[in-house]
Amino acid sequence: MRNLILNNQDLFNLNMKNIKIIIVLLFSLNCLLGCSPDEEVTIPNIPSIFKAKVNGVQYTASFTAAAYSTEYNLWAISGYISDDNQITLNIPNLNIGTYTENIIYSIAGLYVENNTNYYSESGDYIVKITAYQNDKICGTFSFTGTEQDGGNTISITDGQFINVPIGEPAK
């Protein structure tokens, strides 16, 4: 009986050593492959996309653009279905990060539908820039817009822009 206990104990010790070795190897492999101080996000090689849900209905732009306004000192990222149907996001720069404050006349997000303007309210606006590379930008967004006269509201959710081209500064 004593030999059986020793054999089981020896087996247990051997398994624990193997487990420790495996854990150390996995940790080392993870650091070598997954930890890179110069890690950068690569923008996918696909056409420009700008889409969101407007009050739960899918909105997909047929034209996208991003340009700097020297007049307002900000970047505008826009997706257009037509001249009177668009979403525009205003941000102070194109740095990767999250933007939540309204930056120009308390307007950061704008939704236009049939010549009716809906402006984002303070605290209801989020734009996250996830990649900026080769004069193209990617990110996500959401906001609640209120009609210019203070009437109706709209909800912009699940917003995403991919490979939106950066244009020349506008005046």
Protein backbone atom coordinates (compact mmCIF):
# COMPACT_ATOMS: atom_id res chain seq x y z
CA MET A 1 0.00 0.00 0.00
CA ARG A 2 2.86 2.36 0.86
CA ASN A 3 4.41 1.86 -2.60
CA LEU A 4 1.11 2.71 -4.22
CA ILE A 5 0.90 5.99 -2.26
CA LEU A 6 4.50 6.89 -3.17
CA ASN A 7 3.86 6.06 -6.78
CA ASN A 8 0.73 8.19 -6.80
CA GLN A 9 2.62 11.02 -5.04
CA ASP A 10 5.48 10.75 -7.53
CA LEU A 11 2.97 10.78 -10.38
CA PHE A 12 1.29 13.85 -8.87
CA ASN A 13 4.65 15.68 -8.54
CA LEU A 14 5.58 14.78 -12.12
CA ASN A 15 2.24 16.11 -13.42
CA MET A 16 2.63 19.34 -11.42
CA LYS A 17 6.13 19.86 -12.87
CA ASN A 18 4.75 19.33 -16.38
CA ILE A 19 1.90 21.74 -15.74
CA LYS A 20 4.33 24.39 -14.45
CA ILE A 21 6.58 23.95 -17.48
CA ILE A 22 3.62 24.18 -19.85
CA ILE A 23 2.36 27.35 -18.13
CA VAL A 24 5.81 28.99 -18.35
CA LEU A 25 6.12 28.02 -22.03
CA LEU A 26 2.65 29.33 -22.88
CA PHE A 27 3.29 32.59 -21.04
CA SER A 28 6.64 33.06 -22.83
CA LEU A 29 5.11 32.24 -26.20
CA ASN A 30 2.28 34.71 -25.59
CA CYS A 31 4.75 37.49 -24.75
CA LEU A 32 6.90 36.75 -27.78
CA LEU A 33 4.01 36.61 -30.24
CA GLY A 34 1.39 38.86 -28.71
CA CYS A 35 3.25 41.69 -27.00
CA SER A 36 4.71 44.23 -29.36
CA PRO A 37 5.49 47.79 -28.28
CA ASP A 38 5.19 49.00 -31.88
CA GLU A 39 1.92 47.23 -32.57
CA GLU A 40 -0.23 49.08 -35.10
CA VAL A 41 -3.66 48.46 -36.50
CA THR A 42 -3.75 47.70 -40.21
CA ILE A 43 -6.64 49.09 -42.19
CA PRO A 44 -8.34 46.38 -44.26
CA ASN A 45 -8.05 46.64 -48.03
CA ILE A 46 -11.76 47.09 -48.79
CA PRO A 47 -13.86 49.92 -50.27
CA SER A 48 -14.96 52.83 -48.10
CA ILE A 49 -17.92 52.07 -45.81
CA PHE A 50 -20.00 54.44 -43.67
CA LYS A 51 -23.04 52.91 -42.00
CA ALA A 52 -25.21 53.19 -38.91
CA LYS A 53 -28.70 52.52 -37.62
CA VAL A 54 -30.97 55.56 -37.54
CA ASN A 55 -33.83 54.85 -35.15
CA GLY A 56 -33.14 51.16 -35.75
CA VAL A 57 -33.19 51.39 -39.57
CA GLN A 58 -29.96 50.62 -41.45
CA TYR A 59 -28.30 53.65 -43.08
CA THR A 60 -25.54 52.98 -45.62
CA ALA A 61 -23.84 55.90 -47.33
CA SER A 62 -23.09 55.84 -51.03
CA PHE A 63 -20.32 58.46 -50.70
CA THR A 64 -17.87 59.10 -47.85
CA ALA A 65 -15.32 61.82 -47.14
CA ALA A 66 -13.22 63.31 -44.37
CA ALA A 67 -11.77 66.81 -44.55
CA TYR A 68 -10.30 69.47 -42.29
CA SER A 69 -12.14 72.78 -41.92
CA THR A 70 -9.73 75.66 -41.44
CA GLU A 71 -12.69 77.91 -40.59
CA TYR A 72 -13.80 75.78 -37.63
CA ASN A 73 -10.43 74.13 -36.88
CA LEU A 74 -11.85 70.58 -36.89
CA TRP A 75 -12.16 67.42 -38.92
CA ALA A 76 -15.49 66.40 -40.46
CA ILE A 77 -16.09 62.75 -41.34
CA SER A 78 -19.22 62.36 -43.47
CA GLY A 79 -21.35 59.71 -45.11
CA TYR A 80 -23.87 60.78 -47.76
CA ILE A 81 -26.87 59.01 -49.25
CA SER A 82 -27.86 62.20 -51.11
CA ASP A 83 -27.43 65.97 -50.77
CA ASP A 84 -30.27 66.14 -48.25
CA ASN A 85 -29.48 62.91 -46.36
CA GLN A 86 -26.17 62.66 -44.52
CA ILE A 87 -24.37 62.00 -41.23
CA THR A 88 -21.40 64.20 -40.28
CA LEU A 89 -19.09 63.69 -37.31
CA ASN A 90 -16.88 66.57 -36.11
CA ILE A 91 -13.70 65.83 -34.17
CA PRO A 92 -10.69 68.00 -33.24
CA ASN A 93 -8.03 65.70 -34.76
CA LEU A 94 -7.48 62.27 -36.31
CA ASN A 95 -5.58 60.73 -33.42
CA ILE A 96 -6.60 57.21 -32.46
CA GLY A 97 -8.85 57.52 -29.42
CA THR A 98 -12.36 58.31 -28.20
CA TYR A 99 -14.07 61.69 -28.60
CA THR A 100 -17.14 62.48 -26.50
CA GLU A 101 -17.45 66.26 -26.27
CA ASN A 102 -19.32 68.54 -28.59
CA ILE A 103 -16.72 70.86 -30.00
CA ILE A 104 -18.32 73.51 -32.18
CA TYR A 105 -21.32 75.49 -31.09
CA SER A 106 -22.25 72.43 -29.00
CA ILE A 107 -22.56 70.40 -32.22
CA ALA A 108 -20.38 67.37 -32.86
CA GLY A 109 -22.74 65.01 -34.67
CA LEU A 110 -25.17 66.05 -37.39
CA TYR A 111 -27.84 63.99 -39.13
CA VAL A 112 -29.68 65.56 -42.06
CA GLU A 113 -32.81 64.00 -43.53
CA ASN A 114 -34.98 65.78 -46.10
CA ASN A 115 -33.41 69.13 -45.15
CA THR A 116 -34.20 68.65 -41.44
CA ASN A 117 -31.14 68.94 -39.19
CA TYR A 118 -30.68 66.85 -36.04
CA TYR A 119 -27.77 67.92 -33.81
CA SER A 120 -26.06 65.88 -31.13
CA GLU A 121 -26.54 66.94 -27.53
CA SER A 122 -23.79 67.20 -24.95
CA GLY A 123 -22.97 63.79 -23.49
CA ASP A 124 -24.80 61.86 -26.22
CA TYR A 125 -21.93 61.81 -28.71
CA ILE A 126 -19.18 59.19 -29.04
CA VAL A 127 -16.71 58.79 -31.89
CA LYS A 128 -13.86 56.30 -31.59
CA ILE A 129 -11.03 56.46 -34.11
CA THR A 130 -9.56 52.96 -34.35
CA ALA A 131 -7.11 53.35 -37.26
CA TYR A 132 -5.59 56.08 -39.43
CA GLN A 133 -3.24 54.95 -42.15
CA ASN A 134 -2.41 55.77 -45.79
CA ASP A 135 -4.79 58.77 -45.79
CA LYS A 136 -7.74 56.59 -44.72
CA ILE A 137 -9.55 56.50 -41.38
CA CYS A 138 -11.62 53.88 -39.53
CA GLY A 139 -13.78 54.04 -36.42
CA THR A 140 -17.16 53.76 -34.72
CA PHE A 141 -19.77 56.27 -33.57
CA SER A 142 -23.15 56.87 -31.97
CA PHE A 143 -25.18 59.87 -30.87
CA THR A 144 -28.65 61.14 -30.16
CA GLY A 145 -29.73 64.03 -32.36
CA THR A 146 -32.39 66.64 -31.62
CA GLU A 147 -34.22 68.53 -34.34
CA GLN A 148 -32.96 72.09 -34.75
CA ASP A 149 -36.15 73.61 -33.32
CA GLY A 150 -35.89 71.34 -30.26
CA GLY A 151 -38.61 68.96 -31.44
CA ASN A 152 -38.09 65.36 -32.50
CA THR A 153 -35.05 63.24 -31.66
CA ILE A 154 -33.27 60.48 -33.54
CA SER A 155 -30.94 57.76 -32.30
CA ILE A 156 -27.80 56.94 -34.28
CA THR A 157 -26.36 53.60 -33.14
CA ASP A 158 -23.93 50.93 -34.37
CA GLY A 159 -22.14 53.52 -36.50
CA GLN A 160 -19.04 52.41 -38.34
CA PHE A 161 -16.74 53.98 -40.91
CA ILE A 162 -14.00 52.04 -42.68
CA ASN A 163 -11.42 53.33 -45.16
CA VAL A 164 -12.94 56.81 -45.38
CA PRO A 165 -10.50 58.82 -47.52
CA ILE A 166 -8.92 61.95 -46.04
CA GLY A 167 -9.32 64.91 -48.40
CA GLU A 168 -7.71 68.30 -48.79
CA PRO A 169 -8.53 70.95 -46.18
CA ALA A 170 -11.78 72.83 -46.84
CA LYS A 171 -12.23 76.53 -46.12
